[in-house]
């Protein structure tokens, strides 16, 4: 609802009351920050210069390692007024959700593929910032971050180096994500739409499905 703070209307106020009513009815839910490590069972020749920028003055990593995982989704043309798509991103450190992102995209995408590719681009920027902070804290990171996306086209274009993009409009997001894969910063995989946790940040969901997704985050 933050996007309506500049010029709120009666309808938006009603939605805020609805959110408060939901929180009041589910007052026993808890957000659990589980530090348990998750066991997880290319393209460098196309981006030979790709290398993660490590902080030069970072302390020596110590302690238990951290695995970063990310769920990404986009609601194509979800804004009924401007037809902007909405990006939803949830980033986990091990099993603890630490970053929640839900915001309208700055561009109006004409295809689902375009909106789904902008969302991973935003996620890459958030991940790079988080990795830099953790490295400056001296926390060891284990390999690339796991990004889960429910769009086959995005997964294919990010995991197969030989794939090409014919739409110039999406070229920036396309190369930004692929470069991060080549750096070893992220690795992207297909996640079924029914189990993509980022769906709760992009679109209204039926109560039953909302509870099924929140079960993996709230207890």
Foldseek 3Di string as FASTA:
>chain_A
DVVCPVPDDPVVVVVVVVVVVVCVVPVPKAFDQDQDADDDDDLCVVVVVQAQDADPPADAADDDAWAKEKFKDKAQLPDPPPRFIWIWMWMHTRLHTDDTDIDTDPDRDPDRVLRRLVNVLVVVVVLSVVVRVCRNVRHHYDWAHEYEYADPVLLCLQHYNPDDDPDPVSVVSSVSSNSCVSNRNYHYDYDHPLARLRVVRGDDDPPVSPCVSCVSGID
